[in-house]
Amino acid sequence: MLGNQRIPIRFKFLVMQLLVVIAVLSLITYTMAKLFHTDKTTYIRDLTSVTALHSAEEAQSLLTGYQERLKVFARLM
C-alpha cells in the first residue's frame, strides 16, 4: 500500500531547490579553493625568487669586498 502514496509537488520543488543550491555552493567552493591554491603557489614562487635575488646580491657584495681586500694585500706584498 506504500506504492500508492504520492509525493507532494511542494516537496519535489524543495528537493530540486536543495540540489541546485548544493551544486552551486559546491562549484563556488571548488573555484575559491582552486583560486586560493593558485594564489598561494604564486606567492611562494615570488617569495623564493626575491630571497634568491637578495642572497645573490649579498654573496656578490661579499665577494667584491674580499676581492678588494686581496688587491690591497697584493699591493702591499
N, C-alpha and C. Protein backbone atom coordinates (compact mmCIF):
# COMPACT_ATOMS: atom_id res chain seq x y z
N MET A 1 0.81 -1.19 0.00
CA MET A 1 0.00 0.00 0.00
C MET A 1 0.86 1.26 0.00
N LEU A 2 2.16 1.10 0.27
CA LEU A 2 3.02 2.27 0.28
C LEU A 2 3.28 2.77 -1.13
N GLY A 3 3.14 1.97 -2.14
CA GLY A 3 3.40 2.36 -3.52
C GLY A 3 2.37 3.34 -4.06
N ASN A 4 1.20 3.43 -3.46
CA ASN A 4 0.15 4.32 -3.94
C ASN A 4 0.26 5.72 -3.38
N GLN A 5 1.16 5.97 -2.46
CA GLN A 5 1.30 7.32 -1.88
C GLN A 5 1.98 8.23 -2.88
N ARG A 6 1.48 9.45 -2.96
CA ARG A 6 2.06 10.43 -3.86
C ARG A 6 2.91 11.40 -3.06
N ILE A 7 3.99 11.84 -3.70
CA ILE A 7 4.86 12.83 -3.08
C ILE A 7 4.32 14.21 -3.49
N PRO A 8 4.10 15.09 -2.52
CA PRO A 8 3.56 16.41 -2.85
C PRO A 8 4.52 17.20 -3.75
N ILE A 9 3.95 18.02 -4.62
CA ILE A 9 4.73 18.81 -5.57
C ILE A 9 5.63 19.81 -4.83
N ARG A 10 5.16 20.31 -3.69
CA ARG A 10 5.98 21.24 -2.90
C ARG A 10 7.27 20.57 -2.44
N PHE A 11 7.15 19.33 -2.01
CA PHE A 11 8.32 18.60 -1.56
C PHE A 11 9.30 18.35 -2.72
N LYS A 12 8.74 18.04 -3.90
CA LYS A 12 9.59 17.85 -5.07
C LYS A 12 10.35 19.13 -5.42
N PHE A 13 9.66 20.26 -5.39
CA PHE A 13 10.31 21.55 -5.67
C PHE A 13 11.37 21.86 -4.61
N LEU A 14 11.07 21.56 -3.38
CA LEU A 14 12.01 21.80 -2.29
C LEU A 14 13.28 20.98 -2.48
N VAL A 15 13.14 19.73 -2.85
CA VAL A 15 14.29 18.86 -3.08
C VAL A 15 15.09 19.35 -4.29
N MET A 16 14.41 19.79 -5.35
CA MET A 16 15.10 20.31 -6.52
C MET A 16 15.88 21.57 -6.17
N GLN A 17 15.26 22.45 -5.40
CA GLN A 17 15.95 23.67 -4.98
C GLN A 17 17.16 23.34 -4.13
N LEU A 18 17.00 22.40 -3.24
CA LEU A 18 18.11 21.98 -2.38
C LEU A 18 19.27 21.45 -3.21
N LEU A 19 18.99 20.63 -4.20
CA LEU A 19 20.03 20.08 -5.06
C LEU A 19 20.72 21.18 -5.87
N VAL A 20 19.96 22.15 -6.36
CA VAL A 20 20.55 23.26 -7.11
C VAL A 20 21.45 24.09 -6.21
N VAL A 21 20.99 24.39 -5.00
CA VAL A 21 21.79 25.19 -4.06
C VAL A 21 23.07 24.44 -3.69
N ILE A 22 22.98 23.16 -3.45
CA ILE A 22 24.16 22.36 -3.12
C ILE A 22 25.15 22.36 -4.29
N ALA A 23 24.64 22.21 -5.51
CA ALA A 23 25.52 22.21 -6.69
C ALA A 23 26.23 23.55 -6.85
N VAL A 24 25.49 24.64 -6.68
CA VAL A 24 26.08 25.97 -6.84
C VAL A 24 27.11 26.22 -5.74
N LEU A 25 26.80 25.90 -4.51
CA LEU A 25 27.74 26.10 -3.42
C LEU A 25 28.99 25.23 -3.59
N SER A 26 28.82 24.03 -4.08
CA SER A 26 29.97 23.17 -4.34
C SER A 26 30.86 23.77 -5.42
N LEU A 27 30.26 24.29 -6.46
CA LEU A 27 31.02 24.91 -7.54
C LEU A 27 31.78 26.14 -7.05
N ILE A 28 31.12 26.97 -6.26
CA ILE A 28 31.76 28.17 -5.71
C ILE A 28 32.92 27.77 -4.78
N THR A 29 32.70 26.80 -3.93
CA THR A 29 33.75 26.36 -3.01
C THR A 29 34.94 25.80 -3.76
N TYR A 30 34.69 25.00 -4.79
CA TYR A 30 35.77 24.42 -5.59
C TYR A 30 36.56 25.53 -6.30
N THR A 31 35.86 26.49 -6.87
CA THR A 31 36.52 27.59 -7.57
C THR A 31 37.36 28.43 -6.62
N MET A 32 36.82 28.75 -5.45
CA MET A 32 37.56 29.56 -4.49
C MET A 32 38.79 28.81 -3.97
N ALA A 33 38.67 27.52 -3.74
CA ALA A 33 39.81 26.73 -3.27
C ALA A 33 40.89 26.68 -4.34
N LYS A 34 40.49 26.52 -5.58
CA LYS A 34 41.45 26.49 -6.68
C LYS A 34 42.15 27.84 -6.82
N LEU A 35 41.40 28.94 -6.74
CA LEU A 35 42.00 30.27 -6.83
C LEU A 35 42.95 30.53 -5.66
N PHE A 36 42.56 30.12 -4.46
CA PHE A 36 43.42 30.29 -3.28
C PHE A 36 44.71 29.53 -3.44
N HIS A 37 44.62 28.30 -3.93
CA HIS A 37 45.81 27.47 -4.12
C HIS A 37 46.74 28.09 -5.16
N THR A 38 46.17 28.58 -6.26
CA THR A 38 46.97 29.23 -7.30
C THR A 38 47.65 30.47 -6.77
N ASP A 39 46.91 31.27 -6.00
CA ASP A 39 47.47 32.50 -5.43
C ASP A 39 48.59 32.18 -4.45
N LYS A 40 48.38 31.17 -3.63
CA LYS A 40 49.40 30.79 -2.64
C LYS A 40 50.64 30.27 -3.33
N THR A 41 50.49 29.48 -4.39
CA THR A 41 51.62 28.96 -5.14
C THR A 41 52.42 30.10 -5.77
N THR A 42 51.72 31.07 -6.35
CA THR A 42 52.39 32.23 -6.95
C THR A 42 53.14 33.02 -5.90
N TYR A 43 52.52 33.21 -4.74
CA TYR A 43 53.16 33.95 -3.66
C TYR A 43 54.46 33.26 -3.21
N ILE A 44 54.42 31.95 -3.07
CA ILE A 44 55.60 31.21 -2.62
C ILE A 44 56.71 31.29 -3.66
N ARG A 45 56.35 31.19 -4.95
CA ARG A 45 57.36 31.30 -6.00
C ARG A 45 57.98 32.69 -6.01
N ASP A 46 57.16 33.72 -5.86
CA ASP A 46 57.69 35.09 -5.82
C ASP A 46 58.59 35.29 -4.61
N LEU A 47 58.18 34.79 -3.47
CA LEU A 47 58.99 34.92 -2.26
C LEU A 47 60.32 34.21 -2.41
N THR A 48 60.32 33.02 -3.00
CA THR A 48 61.55 32.28 -3.24
C THR A 48 62.46 33.04 -4.19
N SER A 49 61.88 33.62 -5.23
CA SER A 49 62.67 34.39 -6.19
C SER A 49 63.32 35.60 -5.53
N VAL A 50 62.56 36.33 -4.73
CA VAL A 50 63.09 37.51 -4.05
C VAL A 50 64.19 37.11 -3.07
N THR A 51 63.99 36.04 -2.34
CA THR A 51 65.00 35.55 -1.39
C THR A 51 66.28 35.16 -2.13
N ALA A 52 66.14 34.49 -3.26
CA ALA A 52 67.31 34.10 -4.03
C ALA A 52 68.06 35.32 -4.56
N LEU A 53 67.32 36.32 -5.02
CA LEU A 53 67.96 37.54 -5.52
C LEU A 53 68.72 38.26 -4.41
N HIS A 54 68.12 38.37 -3.24
CA HIS A 54 68.79 39.03 -2.13
C HIS A 54 70.04 38.26 -1.69
N SER A 55 69.94 36.94 -1.68
CA SER A 55 71.10 36.12 -1.32
C SER A 55 72.21 36.29 -2.35
N ALA A 56 71.85 36.34 -3.62
CA ALA A 56 72.85 36.52 -4.68
C ALA A 56 73.52 37.89 -4.56
N GLU A 57 72.74 38.92 -4.29
CA GLU A 57 73.31 40.25 -4.11
C GLU A 57 74.25 40.31 -2.92
N GLU A 58 73.86 39.67 -1.83
CA GLU A 58 74.71 39.64 -0.63
C GLU A 58 76.01 38.90 -0.91
N ALA A 59 75.91 37.75 -1.60
CA ALA A 59 77.12 36.99 -1.93
C ALA A 59 78.02 37.80 -2.85
N GLN A 60 77.43 38.48 -3.83
CA GLN A 60 78.22 39.31 -4.74
C GLN A 60 78.93 40.43 -3.98
N SER A 61 78.24 41.03 -3.04
CA SER A 61 78.83 42.10 -2.23
C SER A 61 79.99 41.57 -1.39
N LEU A 62 79.81 40.41 -0.79
CA LEU A 62 80.90 39.81 0.00
C LEU A 62 82.11 39.48 -0.88
N LEU A 63 81.87 38.91 -2.05
CA LEU A 63 82.96 38.56 -2.94
C LEU A 63 83.70 39.81 -3.44
N THR A 64 82.96 40.86 -3.71
CA THR A 64 83.59 42.12 -4.13
C THR A 64 84.46 42.66 -3.01
N GLY A 65 83.99 42.61 -1.78
CA GLY A 65 84.78 43.05 -0.64
C GLY A 65 86.04 42.23 -0.47
N TYR A 66 85.93 40.91 -0.61
CA TYR A 66 87.11 40.05 -0.50
C TYR A 66 88.11 40.36 -1.63
N GLN A 67 87.59 40.60 -2.82
CA GLN A 67 88.45 40.90 -3.96
C GLN A 67 89.23 42.20 -3.71
N GLU A 68 88.55 43.20 -3.18
CA GLU A 68 89.22 44.46 -2.88
C GLU A 68 90.30 44.26 -1.81
N ARG A 69 89.99 43.48 -0.81
CA ARG A 69 90.99 43.21 0.24
C ARG A 69 92.20 42.48 -0.31
N LEU A 70 91.94 41.51 -1.22
CA LEU A 70 93.05 40.78 -1.83
C LEU A 70 93.93 41.69 -2.69
N LYS A 71 93.28 42.62 -3.40
CA LYS A 71 94.04 43.57 -4.21
C LYS A 71 94.93 44.43 -3.32
N VAL A 72 94.39 44.90 -2.21
CA VAL A 72 95.17 45.72 -1.28
C VAL A 72 96.32 44.89 -0.70
N PHE A 73 96.04 43.66 -0.32
CA PHE A 73 97.07 42.79 0.22
C PHE A 73 98.16 42.53 -0.82
N ALA A 74 97.78 42.33 -2.09
CA ALA A 74 98.74 42.07 -3.16
C ALA A 74 99.62 43.29 -3.39
N ARG A 75 99.05 44.46 -3.32
CA ARG A 75 99.84 45.69 -3.50
C ARG A 75 100.86 45.85 -2.37
N LEU A 76 100.42 45.52 -1.16
CA LEU A 76 101.33 45.66 -0.02
C LEU A 76 102.46 44.64 -0.07
N MET A 77 102.19 43.46 -0.59
CA MET A 77 103.20 42.42 -0.64
C MET A 77 104.12 42.71 -1.80
